[in-house]
Amino acid sequence: MGIEPWGRIGTGIIELIVNALLIIPSTVFLGAFPGIGLMAGAIASHLLVIGVVSKGDGGQLFILAITVFICCLINLTIHKKQEITLLNKIRKSV
């Protein structure tokens, strides 16, 4: 895709931050939201550039990206109270 190596390193750092946010119970919502964006980018790059099967993996990376995307959507749904609480705090501070 023409972003090596910095694109891979930058994406990895963002994924690490998202994972840390998903592990901490009080920040699951903040991690799931960018997780959806990252996985949407991964899915789009597989469909538009790389191909579903990448380097003979049988489509495993593509399926994992879809799985993480769905899990992040589920986390957003489950932790909707965190979103409401966060928005109320922001509204009070403004």
N, C-alpha and C. Protein backbone atom coordinates (compact mmCIF):
# COMPACT_ATOMS: atom_id res chain seq x y z
N MET A 1 0.82 -1.20 0.00
CA MET A 1 0.00 0.00 0.00
C MET A 1 0.85 1.26 0.00
N GLY A 2 2.15 1.12 0.07
CA GLY A 2 3.04 2.27 0.02
C GLY A 2 3.21 3.02 1.32
N ILE A 3 2.90 2.40 2.45
CA ILE A 3 3.03 3.09 3.74
C ILE A 3 4.05 2.41 4.65
N GLU A 4 4.83 1.50 4.09
CA GLU A 4 5.82 0.78 4.89
C GLU A 4 7.03 1.65 5.15
N PRO A 5 7.69 1.56 6.28
CA PRO A 5 7.29 0.85 7.50
C PRO A 5 6.47 1.72 8.44
N TRP A 6 6.43 3.04 8.19
CA TRP A 6 5.82 3.96 9.16
C TRP A 6 4.32 3.77 9.31
N GLY A 7 3.64 3.41 8.25
CA GLY A 7 2.21 3.16 8.35
C GLY A 7 1.91 1.99 9.24
N ARG A 8 2.71 0.94 9.11
CA ARG A 8 2.52 -0.26 9.94
C ARG A 8 2.84 0.05 11.40
N ILE A 9 3.91 0.81 11.64
CA ILE A 9 4.30 1.15 13.01
C ILE A 9 3.25 2.07 13.64
N GLY A 10 2.80 3.07 12.90
CA GLY A 10 1.79 3.99 13.42
C GLY A 10 0.48 3.29 13.73
N THR A 11 0.06 2.42 12.82
CA THR A 11 -1.17 1.66 13.05
C THR A 11 -1.03 0.75 14.26
N GLY A 12 0.13 0.14 14.42
CA GLY A 12 0.37 -0.72 15.57
C GLY A 12 0.31 0.05 16.89
N ILE A 13 0.83 1.26 16.91
CA ILE A 13 0.77 2.08 18.12
C ILE A 13 -0.67 2.45 18.45
N ILE A 14 -1.44 2.83 17.43
CA ILE A 14 -2.85 3.16 17.66
C ILE A 14 -3.60 1.93 18.15
N GLU A 15 -3.33 0.77 17.57
CA GLU A 15 -3.98 -0.46 18.01
C GLU A 15 -3.62 -0.78 19.46
N LEU A 16 -2.38 -0.53 19.85
CA LEU A 16 -1.96 -0.76 21.24
C LEU A 16 -2.73 0.14 22.20
N ILE A 17 -2.89 1.41 21.83
CA ILE A 17 -3.65 2.34 22.67
C ILE A 17 -5.11 1.90 22.78
N VAL A 18 -5.70 1.51 21.65
CA VAL A 18 -7.09 1.05 21.64
C VAL A 18 -7.24 -0.19 22.52
N ASN A 19 -6.29 -1.12 22.42
CA ASN A 19 -6.36 -2.32 23.26
C ASN A 19 -6.28 -1.98 24.74
N ALA A 20 -5.41 -1.04 25.10
CA ALA A 20 -5.31 -0.64 26.50
C ALA A 20 -6.63 -0.04 26.97
N LEU A 21 -7.27 0.77 26.14
CA LEU A 21 -8.56 1.36 26.51
C LEU A 21 -9.64 0.30 26.65
N LEU A 22 -9.58 -0.74 25.81
CA LEU A 22 -10.59 -1.80 25.89
C LEU A 22 -10.41 -2.68 27.12
N ILE A 23 -9.19 -2.79 27.63
CA ILE A 23 -8.93 -3.62 28.80
C ILE A 23 -9.42 -2.96 30.08
N ILE A 24 -9.31 -1.65 30.17
CA ILE A 24 -9.71 -0.91 31.36
C ILE A 24 -11.23 -0.73 31.33
N PRO A 25 -11.94 -1.27 32.32
CA PRO A 25 -13.41 -1.25 32.28
C PRO A 25 -14.03 0.15 32.13
N SER A 26 -13.44 1.17 32.72
CA SER A 26 -14.04 2.50 32.66
C SER A 26 -13.81 3.21 31.33
N THR A 27 -12.98 2.64 30.46
CA THR A 27 -12.69 3.29 29.18
C THR A 27 -13.03 2.41 27.98
N VAL A 28 -13.87 1.41 28.18
CA VAL A 28 -14.21 0.50 27.08
C VAL A 28 -14.84 1.27 25.92
N PHE A 29 -15.73 2.19 26.24
CA PHE A 29 -16.38 2.96 25.16
C PHE A 29 -15.36 3.75 24.36
N LEU A 30 -14.40 4.36 25.05
CA LEU A 30 -13.38 5.15 24.37
C LEU A 30 -12.45 4.29 23.51
N GLY A 31 -12.33 3.02 23.83
CA GLY A 31 -11.52 2.12 23.02
C GLY A 31 -12.28 1.50 21.87
N ALA A 32 -13.57 1.23 22.08
CA ALA A 32 -14.37 0.58 21.04
C ALA A 32 -14.61 1.51 19.87
N PHE A 33 -14.78 2.77 20.13
CA PHE A 33 -15.08 3.72 19.05
C PHE A 33 -13.94 3.81 18.03
N PRO A 34 -12.69 4.07 18.44
CA PRO A 34 -11.61 4.08 17.44
C PRO A 34 -11.30 2.68 16.91
N GLY A 35 -11.62 1.65 17.69
CA GLY A 35 -11.44 0.28 17.21
C GLY A 35 -12.28 0.01 15.98
N ILE A 36 -13.50 0.54 15.97
CA ILE A 36 -14.37 0.39 14.81
C ILE A 36 -13.74 1.08 13.60
N GLY A 37 -13.19 2.26 13.82
CA GLY A 37 -12.55 2.98 12.72
C GLY A 37 -11.34 2.25 12.16
N LEU A 38 -10.52 1.72 13.05
CA LEU A 38 -9.34 0.97 12.60
C LEU A 38 -9.73 -0.27 11.80
N MET A 39 -10.71 -0.99 12.31
CA MET A 39 -11.11 -2.22 11.62
C MET A 39 -11.87 -1.92 10.34
N ALA A 40 -12.59 -0.81 10.29
CA ALA A 40 -13.25 -0.41 9.04
C ALA A 40 -12.18 -0.12 7.98
N GLY A 41 -11.09 0.52 8.40
CA GLY A 41 -9.98 0.76 7.48
C GLY A 41 -9.31 -0.53 7.03
N ALA A 42 -9.16 -1.48 7.95
CA ALA A 42 -8.56 -2.77 7.60
C ALA A 42 -9.45 -3.53 6.63
N ILE A 43 -10.74 -3.54 6.89
CA ILE A 43 -11.68 -4.24 6.01
C ILE A 43 -11.68 -3.59 4.63
N ALA A 44 -11.72 -2.27 4.59
CA ALA A 44 -11.71 -1.56 3.31
C ALA A 44 -10.43 -1.83 2.53
N SER A 45 -9.28 -1.83 3.23
CA SER A 45 -8.02 -2.08 2.52
C SER A 45 -7.96 -3.51 1.99
N HIS A 46 -8.55 -4.45 2.72
CA HIS A 46 -8.60 -5.83 2.22
C HIS A 46 -9.50 -5.92 0.99
N LEU A 47 -10.62 -5.25 1.02
CA LEU A 47 -11.56 -5.34 -0.10
C LEU A 47 -11.09 -4.56 -1.32
N LEU A 48 -10.43 -3.43 -1.10
CA LEU A 48 -10.10 -2.55 -2.21
C LEU A 48 -8.67 -2.66 -2.72
N VAL A 49 -7.73 -3.06 -1.87
CA VAL A 49 -6.32 -3.03 -2.27
C VAL A 49 -5.65 -4.39 -2.14
N ILE A 50 -5.65 -4.94 -0.94
CA ILE A 50 -4.86 -6.13 -0.64
C ILE A 50 -5.49 -7.39 -1.22
N GLY A 51 -6.80 -7.50 -1.08
CA GLY A 51 -7.51 -8.72 -1.42
C GLY A 51 -7.86 -9.46 -0.14
N VAL A 52 -8.92 -10.23 -0.20
CA VAL A 52 -9.37 -10.95 0.99
C VAL A 52 -8.31 -11.94 1.46
N VAL A 53 -7.71 -12.67 0.54
CA VAL A 53 -6.61 -13.58 0.87
C VAL A 53 -5.31 -12.82 0.70
N SER A 54 -4.56 -12.70 1.78
CA SER A 54 -3.30 -11.95 1.76
C SER A 54 -2.13 -12.87 2.07
N LYS A 55 -1.22 -12.99 1.14
CA LYS A 55 0.00 -13.80 1.30
C LYS A 55 -0.33 -15.23 1.73
N GLY A 56 -1.37 -15.81 1.15
CA GLY A 56 -1.71 -17.20 1.40
C GLY A 56 -2.28 -17.51 2.77
N ASP A 57 -2.88 -16.52 3.42
CA ASP A 57 -3.42 -16.77 4.76
C ASP A 57 -4.84 -17.34 4.74
N GLY A 58 -5.40 -17.54 3.57
CA GLY A 58 -6.74 -18.10 3.47
C GLY A 58 -7.83 -17.14 3.92
N GLY A 59 -7.54 -15.85 3.99
CA GLY A 59 -8.52 -14.86 4.42
C GLY A 59 -8.61 -14.69 5.93
N GLN A 60 -7.67 -15.26 6.66
CA GLN A 60 -7.74 -15.22 8.12
C GLN A 60 -7.67 -13.79 8.66
N LEU A 61 -6.78 -12.96 8.14
CA LEU A 61 -6.67 -11.58 8.63
C LEU A 61 -7.96 -10.80 8.35
N PHE A 62 -8.55 -11.04 7.20
CA PHE A 62 -9.81 -10.38 6.85
C PHE A 62 -10.92 -10.79 7.82
N ILE A 63 -11.02 -12.07 8.11
CA ILE A 63 -12.04 -12.58 9.03
C ILE A 63 -11.80 -12.03 10.44
N LEU A 64 -10.54 -11.94 10.86
CA LEU A 64 -10.23 -11.38 12.18
C LEU A 64 -10.61 -9.90 12.26
N ALA A 65 -10.39 -9.16 11.18
CA ALA A 65 -10.78 -7.75 11.16
C ALA A 65 -12.29 -7.60 11.29
N ILE A 66 -13.05 -8.45 10.61
CA ILE A 66 -14.51 -8.43 10.72
C ILE A 66 -14.94 -8.80 12.14
N THR A 67 -14.28 -9.79 12.72
CA THR A 67 -14.61 -10.22 14.09
C THR A 67 -14.37 -9.10 15.10
N VAL A 68 -13.23 -8.43 14.99
CA VAL A 68 -12.93 -7.32 15.92
C VAL A 68 -13.91 -6.17 15.70
N PHE A 69 -14.26 -5.89 14.45
CA PHE A 69 -15.24 -4.85 14.14
C PHE A 69 -16.57 -5.14 14.83
N ILE A 70 -17.05 -6.36 14.72
CA ILE A 70 -18.32 -6.76 15.34
C ILE A 70 -18.21 -6.69 16.86
N CYS A 71 -17.10 -7.14 17.42
CA CYS A 71 -16.92 -7.09 18.88
C CYS A 71 -16.91 -5.65 19.38
N CYS A 72 -16.30 -4.74 18.64
CA CYS A 72 -16.30 -3.33 19.04
C CYS A 72 -17.71 -2.75 18.98
N LEU A 73 -18.49 -3.14 17.96
CA LEU A 73 -19.89 -2.70 17.89
C LEU A 73 -20.68 -3.21 19.10
N ILE A 74 -20.45 -4.44 19.47
CA ILE A 74 -21.12 -5.02 20.64
C ILE A 74 -20.71 -4.27 21.91
N ASN A 75 -19.42 -3.96 22.04
CA ASN A 75 -18.95 -3.21 23.20
C ASN A 75 -19.59 -1.83 23.26
N LEU A 76 -19.74 -1.17 22.12
CA LEU A 76 -20.39 0.13 22.12
C LEU A 76 -21.83 0.02 22.61
N THR A 77 -22.50 -1.02 22.19
CA THR A 77 -23.89 -1.22 22.60
C THR A 77 -23.99 -1.52 24.10
N ILE A 78 -23.12 -2.40 24.57
CA ILE A 78 -23.16 -2.78 25.98
C ILE A 78 -22.79 -1.62 26.89
N HIS A 79 -21.84 -0.82 26.48
CA HIS A 79 -21.31 0.26 27.34
C HIS A 79 -21.86 1.63 26.94
N LYS A 80 -23.12 1.66 26.53
CA LYS A 80 -23.74 2.91 26.11
C LYS A 80 -23.86 3.89 27.28
N LYS A 81 -23.97 3.38 28.51
CA LYS A 81 -24.05 4.25 29.68
C LYS A 81 -22.77 5.09 29.83
N GLN A 82 -21.62 4.49 29.46
CA GLN A 82 -20.37 5.25 29.53
C GLN A 82 -20.42 6.44 28.58
N GLU A 83 -21.02 6.25 27.41
CA GLU A 83 -21.13 7.34 26.45
C GLU A 83 -21.99 8.45 27.02
N ILE A 84 -23.11 8.09 27.61
CA ILE A 84 -24.02 9.09 28.17
C ILE A 84 -23.34 9.83 29.31
N THR A 85 -22.65 9.11 30.18
CA THR A 85 -21.93 9.73 31.30
C THR A 85 -20.84 10.66 30.79
N LEU A 86 -20.09 10.23 29.79
CA LEU A 86 -19.02 11.05 29.22
C LEU A 86 -19.59 12.32 28.59
N LEU A 87 -20.67 12.20 27.84
CA LEU A 87 -21.29 13.36 27.22
C LEU A 87 -21.83 14.33 28.26
N ASN A 88 -22.39 13.81 29.35
CA ASN A 88 -22.88 14.68 30.43
C ASN A 88 -21.74 15.44 31.10
N LYS A 89 -20.60 14.77 31.30
CA LYS A 89 -19.45 15.43 31.90
C LYS A 89 -18.93 16.53 30.99
N ILE A 90 -18.89 16.26 29.70
CA ILE A 90 -18.41 17.26 28.74
C ILE A 90 -19.37 18.45 28.70
N ARG A 91 -20.66 18.16 28.71
CA ARG A 91 -21.66 19.21 28.66
C ARG A 91 -21.58 20.10 29.91
N LYS A 92 -21.35 19.51 31.09
CA LYS A 92 -21.24 20.27 32.32
C LYS A 92 -19.99 21.13 32.36
N SER A 93 -18.91 20.66 31.73
CA SER A 93 -17.66 21.41 31.76
C SER A 93 -17.65 22.56 30.77
N VAL A 94 -18.57 22.54 29.82
CA VAL A 94 -18.60 23.61 28.80
C VAL A 94 -19.48 24.72 29.22
